[in-house]
């Protein structure tokens, strides 16, 4: 059976981690996410692959070539315009002659894909979707199935009052070619929004298969860091990883090519090739993706992006994402509420709260007298930094961002307003 990998993602919500590469090339345990997917497919017997590409396609084609060194054969289809999930797969029909697998190139999973293909055949399905039990299903499409696996209903990104199941659609499918006839050529279309309703009306057999194992949609910086920690803990069982080093002072994964001072301590962290860790620095629960950490630093729960630097004697906090200096490719058209200040030398922290709208109201009340501007979130000047506070679009959380000044200034500004938000949220909880 052949497989199509959807690898055209730009990774807007993953900025600034994905600023310099397409989202599928973001690193996990020293290797691109996409390489882990290719290896998973190979291990499950899928060796004839076709990738749909969009953003920065050369980064992917140059890395994988024809696939020979990865034990597979790879063809590519490069989109001139975004075609969506189903539209992109439709453009690969010249590659397909029988039932095939579809998988995203920017998610992390360790599913038994051979089992999924076997269930597709045994249930005589036209389309089989891999399902995953998720505690927080609102960000995904939920799928209700009958006892035999037949899909009864699907709701795309429901509100809590519409949730009737914890099974979510992972975007991994086994598909019959006849199904794709419903999607016109060279037309943007999505599986869940456009294709599934048509299949239901036509009476095609759609089946959902709950899968054992691990799956994570790496949609933002928080999920990226969590996925990296899960891989480090063995919750995500990867088929391969970059070559690492080990030493008594290290409890984590340090890739070859990283430079870690002998006096530094690495604890439950991933240090990618090209990174530098200075003397007497402690890095914990973090990912250093080729960045440079100075002397006497404490780095905790932080993602340091490629090309970024943390100055000497700096302390970071969980949730910090440190970007590289200067304008980064691909950041200029980001959604403002996600990373409005990305592309400049900046720092971002996210705070999970009980109610984002109510917390923004409390912050606005407090910061009104400080001369804040409220035309697009909360904007104000803090010393040499500009601070922007806004609600996250896809979860009950707010984003606190600081741009300008020195690294220490940005960390201090983010910390000040993060702590203010935390205090207000706690007070609100006590009143309730």
Protein backbone atom coordinates (compact mmCIF):
# COMPACT_ATOMS: atom_id res chain seq x y z
CA UNK A 1 0.00 0.00 0.00
CA UNK A 2 1.25 3.49 -0.90
CA UNK A 3 1.13 6.52 1.39
CA UNK A 4 0.63 10.26 0.87
CA UNK A 5 2.21 12.64 3.40
CA UNK A 6 0.70 16.11 3.75
CA UNK A 7 3.78 18.28 4.32
CA UNK A 8 2.85 21.73 3.08
CA UNK A 9 2.33 23.38 6.46
CA UNK A 10 3.83 26.77 7.28
CA UNK A 11 3.36 26.48 11.04
CA UNK A 12 2.05 29.99 11.75
CA UNK A 13 0.92 29.11 15.28
CA UNK A 14 4.25 27.40 15.93
CA UNK A 15 6.24 30.59 15.33
CA UNK A 16 8.96 31.47 16.08
CA UNK A 17 10.08 27.82 16.34
CA UNK A 18 9.14 27.21 12.70
CA UNK A 19 10.37 30.59 11.39
CA UNK A 20 13.32 29.23 9.41
CA UNK A 21 11.91 25.90 8.17
CA UNK A 22 8.56 24.47 7.03
CA UNK A 23 6.62 23.08 9.98
CA UNK A 24 7.29 19.38 9.13
CA UNK A 25 11.04 20.06 9.38
CA UNK A 26 10.80 21.22 13.00
CA UNK A 27 13.12 19.02 15.07
CA UNK A 28 12.13 16.36 17.57
CA UNK A 29 14.96 14.50 19.34
CA UNK A 30 17.41 15.99 16.85
CA UNK A 31 15.59 14.94 13.67
CA UNK A 32 12.80 16.58 11.63
CA UNK A 33 9.23 15.59 12.51
CA UNK A 34 8.84 14.51 8.90
CA UNK A 35 11.75 12.09 9.16
CA UNK A 36 10.06 10.41 12.12
CA UNK A 37 6.90 10.00 10.02
CA UNK A 38 8.86 8.55 7.09
CA UNK A 39 10.53 6.06 9.43
CA UNK A 40 7.17 5.12 11.00
CA UNK A 41 5.78 4.43 7.54
CA UNK A 42 8.80 2.38 6.53
CA UNK A 43 8.61 0.29 9.71
CA UNK A 44 4.95 -0.42 8.93
CA UNK A 45 5.64 -1.51 5.36
CA UNK A 46 4.75 1.73 3.52
CA UNK A 47 7.76 2.36 1.31
CA UNK A 48 6.23 4.12 -1.73
CA UNK A 49 5.53 7.68 -0.64
CA UNK A 50 4.31 10.92 -2.18
CA UNK A 51 4.61 14.25 -0.32
CA UNK A 52 2.41 17.29 -0.89
CA UNK A 53 4.51 20.43 -0.41
CA UNK A 54 3.77 24.14 -0.17
CA UNK A 55 5.84 26.34 2.15
CA UNK A 56 9.63 26.23 1.57
CA UNK A 57 9.49 23.01 -0.51
CA UNK A 58 13.24 23.03 -1.24
CA UNK A 59 13.98 22.51 2.47
CA UNK A 60 12.18 19.17 2.22
CA UNK A 61 13.22 17.99 -1.25
CA UNK A 62 16.89 18.80 -0.57
CA UNK A 63 16.80 16.84 2.69
CA UNK A 64 14.95 13.72 1.54
CA UNK A 65 15.81 13.55 -2.18
CA UNK A 66 14.32 10.45 -3.76
CA UNK A 67 14.11 8.77 -0.35
CA UNK A 68 16.73 6.10 -1.05
CA UNK A 69 18.89 6.86 2.00
CA UNK A 70 15.78 6.58 4.18
CA UNK A 71 14.81 3.16 2.81
CA UNK A 72 11.82 4.42 0.79
CA UNK A 73 10.99 5.98 -2.57
CA UNK A 74 9.56 9.50 -2.57
CA UNK A 75 7.73 11.57 -5.16
CA UNK A 76 6.66 15.18 -4.65
CA UNK A 77 3.71 17.36 -5.62
CA UNK A 78 4.31 21.09 -5.05
CA UNK A 79 1.23 23.27 -4.70
CA UNK A 80 1.20 26.66 -6.45
CA UNK A 81 -1.67 27.66 -4.17
CA UNK A 82 -2.94 26.08 -0.93
CA UNK A 83 -5.27 23.20 -1.75
CA UNK A 84 -6.20 22.06 1.76
CA UNK A 85 -5.95 18.51 3.02
CA UNK A 86 -8.30 16.80 0.55
CA UNK A 87 -7.37 19.05 -2.36
CA UNK A 88 -3.68 18.33 -1.86
CA UNK A 89 -4.29 14.59 -1.76
CA UNK A 90 -6.51 14.86 -4.87
CA UNK A 91 -3.49 16.29 -6.73
CA UNK A 92 -1.63 13.02 -6.08
CA UNK A 93 -4.13 10.71 -7.78
CA UNK A 94 -1.72 9.98 -10.62
CA UNK A 95 0.45 8.34 -7.94
CA UNK A 96 -2.38 6.08 -6.73
CA UNK A 97 -3.93 2.95 -8.22
CA UNK A 98 -5.50 1.30 -5.14
CA UNK A 99 -6.40 2.05 -1.51
CA UNK A 100 -3.78 4.24 0.15
CA UNK A 101 -2.81 5.84 3.47
CA UNK A 102 -2.88 9.58 4.21
CA UNK A 103 -0.89 11.04 7.12
CA UNK A 104 0.25 14.47 8.26
CA UNK A 105 3.96 15.22 8.16
CA UNK A 106 3.89 17.56 11.15
CA UNK A 107 2.24 15.44 13.85
CA UNK A 108 3.97 12.97 16.16
CA UNK A 109 2.64 9.46 16.63
CA UNK A 110 3.67 5.83 17.05
CA UNK A 111 0.50 4.09 15.82
CA UNK A 112 0.44 0.58 14.39
CA UNK A 113 -0.45 1.61 10.85
CA UNK A 114 -0.50 -1.98 9.59
CA UNK A 115 -3.37 -2.63 12.03
CA UNK A 116 -5.24 0.37 10.64
CA UNK A 117 -4.87 -0.94 7.08
CA UNK A 118 -6.03 -4.41 8.19
CA UNK A 119 -9.14 -2.95 9.84
CA UNK A 120 -9.92 -0.95 6.70
CA UNK A 121 -9.91 -4.13 4.64
CA UNK A 122 -11.73 -6.27 7.22
CA UNK A 123 -14.54 -3.71 7.60
CA UNK A 124 -14.84 -3.21 3.83
CA UNK A 125 -14.61 0.54 4.28
CA UNK A 126 -14.39 3.30 1.70
CA UNK A 127 -12.60 5.55 4.18
CA UNK A 128 -11.12 4.57 7.53
CA UNK A 129 -9.95 7.20 10.02
CA UNK A 130 -7.54 6.66 12.91
CA UNK A 131 -9.12 7.90 16.16
CA UNK A 132 -7.44 8.91 19.39
CA UNK A 133 -8.91 9.31 22.88
CA UNK A 134 -8.19 12.91 23.97
CA UNK A 135 -8.96 14.64 27.27
CA UNK A 136 -9.27 18.03 25.55
CA UNK A 137 -11.10 17.37 22.26
CA UNK A 138 -12.24 20.93 21.48
CA UNK A 139 -9.31 21.71 19.17
CA UNK A 140 -10.06 18.74 16.93
CA UNK A 141 -12.84 17.05 15.02
CA UNK A 142 -14.73 14.66 17.30
CA UNK A 143 -16.03 11.39 15.86
CA UNK A 144 -18.87 9.27 17.28
CA UNK A 145 -18.82 5.64 16.13
CA UNK A 146 -21.13 2.66 16.45
CA UNK A 147 -20.07 -0.66 17.94
CA UNK A 148 -18.88 -1.90 14.53
CA UNK A 149 -16.85 1.25 13.94
CA UNK A 150 -19.30 2.88 11.53
CA UNK A 151 -19.09 6.66 11.81
CA UNK A 152 -22.34 8.05 13.19
CA UNK A 153 -21.43 11.72 13.40
CA UNK A 154 -18.49 14.09 13.31
CA UNK A 155 -18.30 17.60 14.73
CA UNK A 156 -15.38 19.82 13.77
CA UNK A 157 -13.87 21.70 16.76
CA UNK A 158 -17.00 21.68 18.93
CA UNK A 159 -17.75 23.80 21.97
CA UNK A 160 -17.92 21.86 25.22
CA UNK A 161 -21.73 21.81 25.12
CA UNK A 162 -21.53 19.86 21.85
CA UNK A 163 -18.97 17.27 22.94
CA UNK A 164 -20.39 13.72 22.95
CA UNK A 165 -17.19 11.66 22.68
CA UNK A 166 -13.49 11.85 23.48
CA UNK A 167 -12.48 10.27 20.15
CA UNK A 168 -10.80 12.81 17.87
CA UNK A 169 -9.88 12.59 14.21
CA UNK A 170 -6.08 12.39 13.89
CA UNK A 171 -6.01 13.15 10.16
CA UNK A 172 -4.64 9.67 9.42
CA UNK A 173 -6.79 7.82 6.88
CA UNK A 174 -6.95 4.77 4.67
CA UNK A 175 -8.77 5.91 1.54
CA UNK A 176 -10.29 4.28 -1.54
CA UNK A 177 -9.45 6.16 -4.77
CA UNK A 178 -13.15 6.37 -5.67
CA UNK A 179 -13.69 8.58 -2.62
CA UNK A 180 -11.43 11.27 -4.06
CA UNK A 181 -13.61 11.57 -7.18
CA UNK A 182 -15.86 13.86 -5.15
CA UNK A 183 -13.12 16.50 -4.97
CA UNK A 184 -12.62 18.53 -8.21
CA UNK A 185 -9.08 18.82 -9.51
CA UNK A 186 -7.02 21.86 -8.52
CA UNK A 187 -9.64 22.94 -5.98
CA UNK A 188 -9.05 23.74 -2.32
CA UNK A 189 -10.93 21.25 -0.12
CA UNK A 190 -10.73 19.80 3.37
CA UNK A 191 -11.44 16.21 4.41
CA UNK A 192 -13.62 17.04 7.42
CA UNK A 193 -15.44 20.11 6.09
CA UNK A 194 -15.87 19.20 2.43
CA UNK A 195 -15.38 15.49 1.80
CA UNK A 196 -16.93 13.74 4.83
CA UNK A 197 -20.38 15.37 4.43
CA UNK A 198 -20.47 14.32 0.77
CA UNK A 199 -19.54 10.75 1.68
CA UNK A 200 -22.33 10.66 4.25
CA UNK A 201 -24.88 11.87 1.71
CA UNK A 202 -23.68 9.38 -0.92
CA UNK A 203 -23.79 6.53 1.61
CA UNK A 204 -20.12 5.56 1.46
CA UNK A 205 -18.92 3.43 4.33
CA UNK A 206 -16.83 5.52 6.75
CA UNK A 207 -15.23 3.69 9.66
CA UNK A 208 -13.39 4.93 12.73
CA UNK A 209 -10.72 2.82 14.42
CA UNK A 210 -9.58 3.77 17.97
CA UNK A 211 -5.79 3.47 18.04
CA UNK A 212 -3.45 2.55 20.88
CA UNK A 213 -0.23 4.49 21.33
CA UNK A 214 0.70 8.16 21.25
CA UNK A 215 -0.46 11.01 19.02
CA UNK A 216 0.14 14.76 19.26
CA UNK A 217 -0.84 17.51 16.86
CA UNK A 218 2.06 19.93 17.23
CA UNK A 219 0.01 23.05 16.65
CA UNK A 220 1.70 25.60 18.92
CA UNK A 221 4.78 26.16 21.07
CA UNK A 222 3.20 24.63 24.16
CA UNK A 223 2.30 21.36 22.42
CA UNK A 224 5.76 21.28 20.81
CA UNK A 225 7.52 21.45 24.17
CA UNK A 226 5.15 18.87 25.67
CA UNK A 227 5.73 16.49 22.77
CA UNK A 228 9.51 16.83 23.16
CA UNK A 229 9.23 16.04 26.87
CA UNK A 230 6.98 13.05 26.11
CA UNK A 231 9.55 11.71 23.64
CA UNK A 232 12.26 12.17 26.24
CA UNK A 233 10.15 10.24 28.78
CA UNK A 234 9.43 7.41 26.34
CA UNK A 235 5.70 8.10 26.14
CA UNK A 236 6.18 8.66 22.41
CA UNK A 237 8.04 5.65 21.09
CA UNK A 238 10.13 6.97 18.23
CA UNK A 239 11.65 4.58 15.73
CA UNK A 240 14.89 6.58 15.52
CA UNK A 241 16.60 9.68 16.87
CA UNK A 242 19.72 11.70 16.20
CA UNK A 243 23.03 10.45 17.58
CA UNK A 244 23.31 11.64 21.17
CA UNK A 245 25.98 11.86 23.82
CA UNK A 246 25.77 11.04 27.50
CA UNK A 247 27.62 12.01 30.67
CA UNK A 248 27.08 11.79 34.41
CA UNK A 249 26.06 15.46 34.63
CA UNK A 250 23.41 15.05 31.94
CA UNK A 251 19.90 13.65 32.33
CA UNK A 252 18.35 14.29 28.95
CA UNK A 253 19.32 14.08 25.29
CA UNK A 254 22.31 15.98 23.93
CA UNK A 255 22.89 15.63 20.19
CA UNK A 256 26.32 15.28 18.72
CA UNK A 257 27.51 18.69 17.57
CA UNK A 258 26.19 20.46 20.66
CA UNK A 259 28.75 22.14 22.91
CA UNK A 260 28.00 21.84 26.63
CA UNK A 261 30.45 23.25 29.15
CA UNK A 262 31.73 20.67 31.65
CA UNK A 263 30.33 22.69 34.56
CA UNK A 264 26.83 22.96 33.03
CA UNK A 265 23.97 20.72 34.14
CA UNK A 266 21.41 19.33 31.70
CA UNK A 267 18.25 17.98 33.30
CA UNK A 268 15.31 16.46 31.39
CA UNK A 269 16.07 18.53 28.28
CA UNK A 270 16.89 18.16 24.60
CA UNK A 271 19.96 19.98 23.26
CA UNK A 272 20.11 19.94 19.46
CA UNK A 273 23.23 19.99 17.32
CA UNK A 274 24.82 23.43 17.06
CA UNK A 275 23.64 24.56 20.50
CA UNK A 276 26.06 26.04 23.04
CA UNK A 277 25.58 25.86 26.81
CA UNK A 278 27.84 28.08 28.92
CA UNK A 279 29.60 27.36 32.20
CA UNK A 280 27.64 26.93 35.45
CA UNK A 281 24.36 27.00 33.53
CA UNK A 282 21.41 24.77 34.49
CA UNK A 283 18.99 23.73 31.73
CA UNK A 284 15.86 21.82 32.80
CA UNK A 285 12.67 20.70 31.02
CA UNK A 286 13.68 22.66 27.93
CA UNK A 287 14.58 22.39 24.25
CA UNK A 288 17.62 24.26 22.96
CA UNK A 289 17.33 24.16 19.18
CA UNK A 290 20.75 25.31 18.08
CA UNK A 291 20.67 28.44 20.26
CA UNK A 292 23.34 29.85 22.54
CA UNK A 293 22.92 29.95 26.34
CA UNK A 294 25.42 32.10 28.25
CA UNK A 295 27.12 31.62 31.62
CA UNK A 296 25.42 31.24 35.02
CA UNK A 297 21.93 30.91 33.55
CA UNK A 298 18.90 28.99 34.80
CA UNK A 299 16.75 27.86 31.87
CA UNK A 300 13.53 26.06 32.84
CA UNK A 301 10.59 24.98 30.67
CA UNK A 302 11.87 27.08 27.78
CA UNK A 303 12.27 26.69 24.02
CA UNK A 304 15.35 28.47 22.67
CA UNK A 305 14.99 28.79 18.89
CA UNK A 306 17.75 28.31 16.36
CA UNK A 307 20.00 31.36 16.26
CA UNK A 308 18.68 32.80 19.54
CA UNK A 309 20.83 33.73 22.53
CA UNK A 310 20.22 33.93 26.25
CA UNK A 311 22.65 36.37 27.85
CA UNK A 312 24.83 35.59 30.89
CA UNK A 313 23.17 35.50 34.33
CA UNK A 314 19.65 35.12 32.91
CA UNK A 315 16.76 33.22 34.50
CA UNK A 316 13.88 32.01 32.30
CA UNK A 317 10.56 30.60 33.42
CA UNK A 318 8.31 27.78 32.15
CA UNK A 319 6.53 28.82 28.99
CA UNK A 320 9.24 31.17 27.68
CA UNK A 321 10.01 30.97 23.95
CA UNK A 322 13.17 32.88 22.96
CA UNK A 323 13.45 33.88 19.29
CA UNK A 324 16.52 34.81 17.28
CA UNK A 325 17.44 38.45 16.70
CA UNK A 326 16.44 40.13 13.46
CA UNK A 327 13.62 39.53 11.03
CA UNK A 328 12.89 35.87 10.38
CA UNK A 329 11.49 34.43 7.15
CA UNK A 330 7.82 33.66 7.12
CA UNK A 331 6.73 35.74 10.11
CA UNK A 332 5.36 38.82 8.40
CA UNK A 333 1.84 37.45 7.80
CA UNK A 334 1.22 35.74 11.12
CA UNK A 335 -2.14 36.09 12.85
CA UNK A 336 -1.82 38.96 15.29
CA UNK A 337 -3.47 37.23 18.20
CA UNK A 338 -1.02 34.34 18.01
CA UNK A 339 2.38 35.98 17.56
CA UNK A 340 1.85 39.66 16.71
CA UNK A 341 5.42 40.67 17.51
CA UNK A 342 7.26 37.70 15.99
CA UNK A 343 9.96 38.52 13.49
CA UNK A 344 11.58 41.01 15.87
CA UNK A 345 13.82 40.25 18.80
CA UNK A 346 11.14 39.18 21.27
CA UNK A 347 10.00 36.92 24.04
CA UNK A 348 6.61 35.31 24.56
CA UNK A 349 4.96 33.66 27.55
CA UNK A 350 1.56 31.99 27.68
CA UNK A 351 -0.62 31.78 30.79
CA UNK A 352 -3.42 29.23 31.03
CA UNK A 353 -6.42 30.66 32.87
CA UNK A 354 -9.95 29.78 33.87
CA UNK A 355 -11.53 32.36 31.53
CA UNK A 356 -9.53 34.35 28.99
CA UNK A 357 -12.16 37.03 28.29
CA UNK A 358 -12.80 37.71 31.98
CA UNK A 359 -9.05 37.89 32.70
CA UNK A 360 -8.51 40.35 29.83
CA UNK A 361 -11.25 42.53 31.33
CA UNK A 362 -9.50 42.54 34.72
CA UNK A 363 -6.14 43.34 33.12
CA UNK A 364 -7.69 46.18 31.13
CA UNK A 365 -9.18 47.67 34.29
CA UNK A 366 -5.80 47.56 36.07
CA UNK A 367 -3.73 48.84 33.14
CA UNK A 368 -6.06 51.65 32.04
CA UNK A 369 -4.31 54.16 34.27
CA UNK A 370 -0.91 52.99 33.03
CA UNK A 371 -1.73 54.49 29.62
CA UNK A 372 -2.27 51.20 27.82
CA UNK A 373 -3.73 51.12 24.32
CA UNK A 374 -6.65 48.74 23.76
CA UNK A 375 -7.13 48.89 19.98
CA UNK A 376 -5.63 45.42 19.46
CA UNK A 377 -5.34 43.56 22.72
CA UNK A 378 -3.44 45.45 25.44
CA UNK A 379 -0.35 47.39 24.37
CA UNK A 380 1.90 49.40 26.65
CA UNK A 381 5.49 50.51 27.18
CA UNK A 382 7.55 48.91 29.96
CA UNK A 383 10.96 50.57 30.16
CA UNK A 384 12.73 49.84 26.89
CA UNK A 385 10.23 47.14 25.90
CA UNK A 386 6.88 47.16 24.17
CA UNK A 387 4.45 44.72 25.79
CA UNK A 388 1.46 43.15 24.04
CA UNK A 389 -1.14 41.08 25.91
CA UNK A 390 -3.86 39.19 24.05
CA UNK A 391 -6.09 36.12 24.43
CA UNK A 392 -5.08 32.91 22.65
CA UNK A 393 -7.42 31.96 19.84
CA UNK A 394 -7.67 28.25 20.51
CA UNK A 395 -7.41 27.73 24.28
CA UNK A 396 -8.26 29.42 27.57
CA UNK A 397 -4.98 31.25 27.87
CA UNK A 398 -3.43 34.66 27.28
CA UNK A 399 -0.18 35.55 25.55
CA UNK A 400 2.26 38.07 27.07
CA UNK A 401 4.89 39.30 24.62
CA UNK A 402 7.78 41.75 24.98
CA UNK A 403 9.87 43.27 22.19
CA UNK A 404 12.81 45.65 22.27
CA UNK A 405 15.49 46.34 24.87
CA UNK A 406 17.90 43.71 26.14
CA UNK A 407 17.10 40.08 26.80
CA UNK A 408 16.98 40.73 30.56
CA UNK A 409 14.50 43.59 29.99
CA UNK A 410 12.19 41.37 27.94
CA UNK A 411 12.29 38.55 30.47
CA UNK A 412 11.56 41.00 33.30
CA UNK A 413 8.67 42.62 31.40
CA UNK A 414 7.11 39.27 30.49
CA UNK A 415 7.52 38.10 34.08
CA UNK A 416 5.90 41.22 35.53
CA UNK A 417 2.72 41.02 33.47
CA UNK A 418 2.59 37.22 33.61
CA UNK A 419 2.63 37.48 37.42
CA UNK A 420 -0.05 40.20 37.29
CA UNK A 421 -2.28 37.98 35.16
CA UNK A 422 -1.69 35.05 37.49
CA UNK A 423 -2.57 37.15 40.54
CA UNK A 424 -5.77 38.47 38.97
CA UNK A 425 -6.80 35.00 37.86
CA UNK A 426 -6.23 33.60 41.35
CA UNK A 427 -8.22 36.46 42.92
CA UNK A 428 -11.06 35.83 40.50
CA UNK A 429 -11.05 32.13 41.41
CA UNK A 430 -11.22 32.92 45.13
CA UNK A 431 -14.15 35.30 44.62
CA UNK A 432 -16.00 32.65 42.66
